[in-house]
Amino acid sequence: MRLREPRATALIFASGKMCVTGTKSTHNSTLAAKKFAYIIERVGFKPQTYIDFKVQNIVGTADVGFPIRLEGLVYAHSTFASYEPEL
């Protein structure tokens, strides 16, 4: 299920668990979880009044501003890196 505002996607399982992804902040994640619970309630299910929400994973991205030669990186730091390009 997807929301447009806040932009989020939820994986909803038969066990009653829900995984919210695609948001930029924890505030938006909790807001999206509440909106998903409201939508599920409108369909006919009765969710809990208290949603036990916790953040389990955070991913960061960065632009270093220059190209990185992966082969040279692996050659210089072979104990810490591996690179296997598919042919």
C-alpha atoms as a PDB file:
ATOM      1  CA  MET A   1       0.000   0.000   0.000  1.00  0.00           C
ATOM      2  CA  ARG A   2       1.306   3.492  -0.819  1.00  0.00           C
ATOM      3  CA  LEU A   3       0.686   7.012   0.402  1.00  0.00           C
ATOM      4  CA  ARG A   4       1.368  10.240  -1.446  1.00  0.00           C
ATOM      5  CA  GLU A   5       1.678  12.470   1.632  1.00  0.00           C
ATOM      6  CA  PRO A   6       3.896  11.647   3.429  1.00  0.00           C
ATOM      7  CA  ARG A   7       5.411   9.667   0.587  1.00  0.00           C
ATOM      8  CA  ALA A   8       5.601   6.159   2.029  1.00  0.00           C
ATOM      9  CA  THR A   9       5.056   2.497   1.229  1.00  0.00           C
ATOM     10  CA  ALA A  10       3.814  -0.124   3.670  1.00  0.00           C
ATOM     11  CA  LEU A  11       4.236  -3.873   3.576  1.00  0.00           C
ATOM     12  CA  ILE A  12       1.271  -5.319   5.450  1.00  0.00           C
ATOM     13  CA  PHE A  13       1.434  -8.940   6.622  1.00  0.00           C
ATOM     14  CA  ALA A  14      -1.304 -11.359   7.678  1.00  0.00           C
ATOM     15  CA  SER A  15       0.320 -11.602  11.123  1.00  0.00           C
ATOM     16  CA  GLY A  16      -0.678  -7.980  11.756  1.00  0.00           C
ATOM     17  CA  LYS A  17       2.824  -6.578  11.313  1.00  0.00           C
ATOM     18  CA  MET A  18       3.448  -3.578   9.092  1.00  0.00           C
ATOM     19  CA  CYS A  19       6.731  -2.279   7.672  1.00  0.00           C
ATOM     20  CA  VAL A  20       6.802   1.390   6.590  1.00  0.00           C
ATOM     21  CA  THR A  21       9.522   2.399   4.113  1.00  0.00           C
ATOM     22  CA  GLY A  22      10.414   5.317   1.879  1.00  0.00           C
ATOM     23  CA  THR A  23      10.147   8.240   4.298  1.00  0.00           C
ATOM     24  CA  LYS A  24      12.804  10.850   5.020  1.00  0.00           C
ATOM     25  CA  SER A  25      12.282  11.217   8.791  1.00  0.00           C
ATOM     26  CA  THR A  26      11.013   9.342  11.818  1.00  0.00           C
ATOM     27  CA  HIS A  27       8.202  11.866  12.181  1.00  0.00           C
ATOM     28  CA  ASN A  28       6.953  11.061   8.668  1.00  0.00           C
ATOM     29  CA  SER A  29       7.271   7.338   9.388  1.00  0.00           C
ATOM     30  CA  THR A  30       5.069   7.535  12.464  1.00  0.00           C
ATOM     31  CA  LEU A  31       2.568   9.728  10.622  1.00  0.00           C
ATOM     32  CA  ALA A  32       2.460   7.253   7.729  1.00  0.00           C
ATOM     33  CA  ALA A  33       1.982   4.319  10.131  1.00  0.00           C
ATOM     34  CA  LYS A  34      -0.983   6.097  11.705  1.00  0.00           C
ATOM     35  CA  LYS A  35      -2.474   6.822   8.280  1.00  0.00           C
ATOM     36  CA  PHE A  36      -2.041   3.206   7.181  1.00  0.00           C
ATOM     37  CA  ALA A  37      -3.711   2.036  10.405  1.00  0.00           C
ATOM     38  CA  TYR A  38      -6.603   4.431   9.719  1.00  0.00           C
ATOM     39  CA  ILE A  39      -7.013   3.078   6.172  1.00  0.00           C
ATOM     40  CA  ILE A  40      -6.996  -0.505   7.465  1.00  0.00           C
ATOM     41  CA  GLU A  41      -9.602   0.480  10.060  1.00  0.00           C
ATOM     42  CA  ARG A  42     -11.809   2.030   7.338  1.00  0.00           C
ATOM     43  CA  VAL A  43     -11.701  -1.235   5.371  1.00  0.00           C
ATOM     44  CA  GLY A  44     -13.174  -3.084   8.339  1.00  0.00           C
ATOM     45  CA  PHE A  45     -10.320  -4.323  10.501  1.00  0.00           C
ATOM     46  CA  LYS A  46      -9.903  -3.173  14.082  1.00  0.00           C
ATOM     47  CA  PRO A  47      -6.291  -2.156  14.800  1.00  0.00           C
ATOM     48  CA  GLN A  48      -4.969  -1.541  18.291  1.00  0.00           C
ATOM     49  CA  THR A  49      -5.419   1.911  19.759  1.00  0.00           C
ATOM     50  CA  TYR A  50      -1.677   2.077  20.580  1.00  0.00           C
ATOM     51  CA  ILE A  51       0.733   1.409  17.710  1.00  0.00           C
ATOM     52  CA  ASP A  52       4.062   0.040  18.944  1.00  0.00           C
ATOM     53  CA  PHE A  53       6.323   1.857  16.485  1.00  0.00           C
ATOM     54  CA  LYS A  54      10.109   1.607  16.458  1.00  0.00           C
ATOM     55  CA  VAL A  55      12.807   2.511  13.951  1.00  0.00           C
ATOM     56  CA  GLN A  56      14.941  -0.494  13.040  1.00  0.00           C
ATOM     57  CA  ASN A  57      17.047   0.695  10.115  1.00  0.00           C
ATOM     58  CA  ILE A  58      18.389   3.986   8.797  1.00  0.00           C
ATOM     59  CA  VAL A  59      20.190   4.312   5.466  1.00  0.00           C
ATOM     60  CA  GLY A  60      22.351   7.252   4.463  1.00  0.00           C
ATOM     61  CA  THR A  61      23.601   8.348   1.049  1.00  0.00           C
ATOM     62  CA  ALA A  62      26.364  10.734   0.076  1.00  0.00           C
ATOM     63  CA  ASP A  63      27.934  12.207  -3.054  1.00  0.00           C
ATOM     64  CA  VAL A  64      31.710  12.357  -2.694  1.00  0.00           C
ATOM     65  CA  GLY A  65      32.014  14.733  -5.653  1.00  0.00           C
ATOM     66  CA  PHE A  66      34.477  12.686  -7.722  1.00  0.00           C
ATOM     67  CA  PRO A  67      34.448   9.339  -9.552  1.00  0.00           C
ATOM     68  CA  ILE A  68      35.679   6.284  -7.649  1.00  0.00           C
ATOM     69  CA  ARG A  69      37.683   3.643  -9.499  1.00  0.00           C
ATOM     70  CA  LEU A  70      36.446   0.467  -7.871  1.00  0.00           C
ATOM     71  CA  GLU A  71      39.229  -1.731  -9.268  1.00  0.00           C
ATOM     72  CA  GLY A  72      41.902   0.591  -7.849  1.00  0.00           C
ATOM     73  CA  LEU A  73      40.118   0.733  -4.496  1.00  0.00           C
ATOM     74  CA  VAL A  74      40.047  -3.056  -4.231  1.00  0.00           C
ATOM     75  CA  TYR A  75      43.675  -3.311  -5.324  1.00  0.00           C
ATOM     76  CA  ALA A  76      44.809  -0.820  -2.665  1.00  0.00           C
ATOM     77  CA  HIS A  77      42.598  -2.175   0.134  1.00  0.00           C
ATOM     78  CA  SER A  78      42.056  -5.847  -0.682  1.00  0.00           C
ATOM     79  CA  THR A  79      41.725  -6.838   2.992  1.00  0.00           C
ATOM     80  CA  PHE A  80      38.747  -4.520   3.500  1.00  0.00           C
ATOM     81  CA  ALA A  81      37.016  -4.554   0.103  1.00  0.00           C
ATOM     82  CA  SER A  82      35.922  -6.934  -2.621  1.00  0.00           C
ATOM     83  CA  TYR A  83      34.686  -6.203  -6.127  1.00  0.00           C
ATOM     84  CA  GLU A  84      33.432  -8.743  -8.641  1.00  0.00           C
ATOM     85  CA  PRO A  85      31.970  -7.141 -11.764  1.00  0.00           C
ATOM     86  CA  GLU A  86      29.541  -9.277 -13.726  1.00  0.00           C
ATOM     87  CA  LEU A  87      30.657  -9.951 -17.269  1.00  0.00           C
END
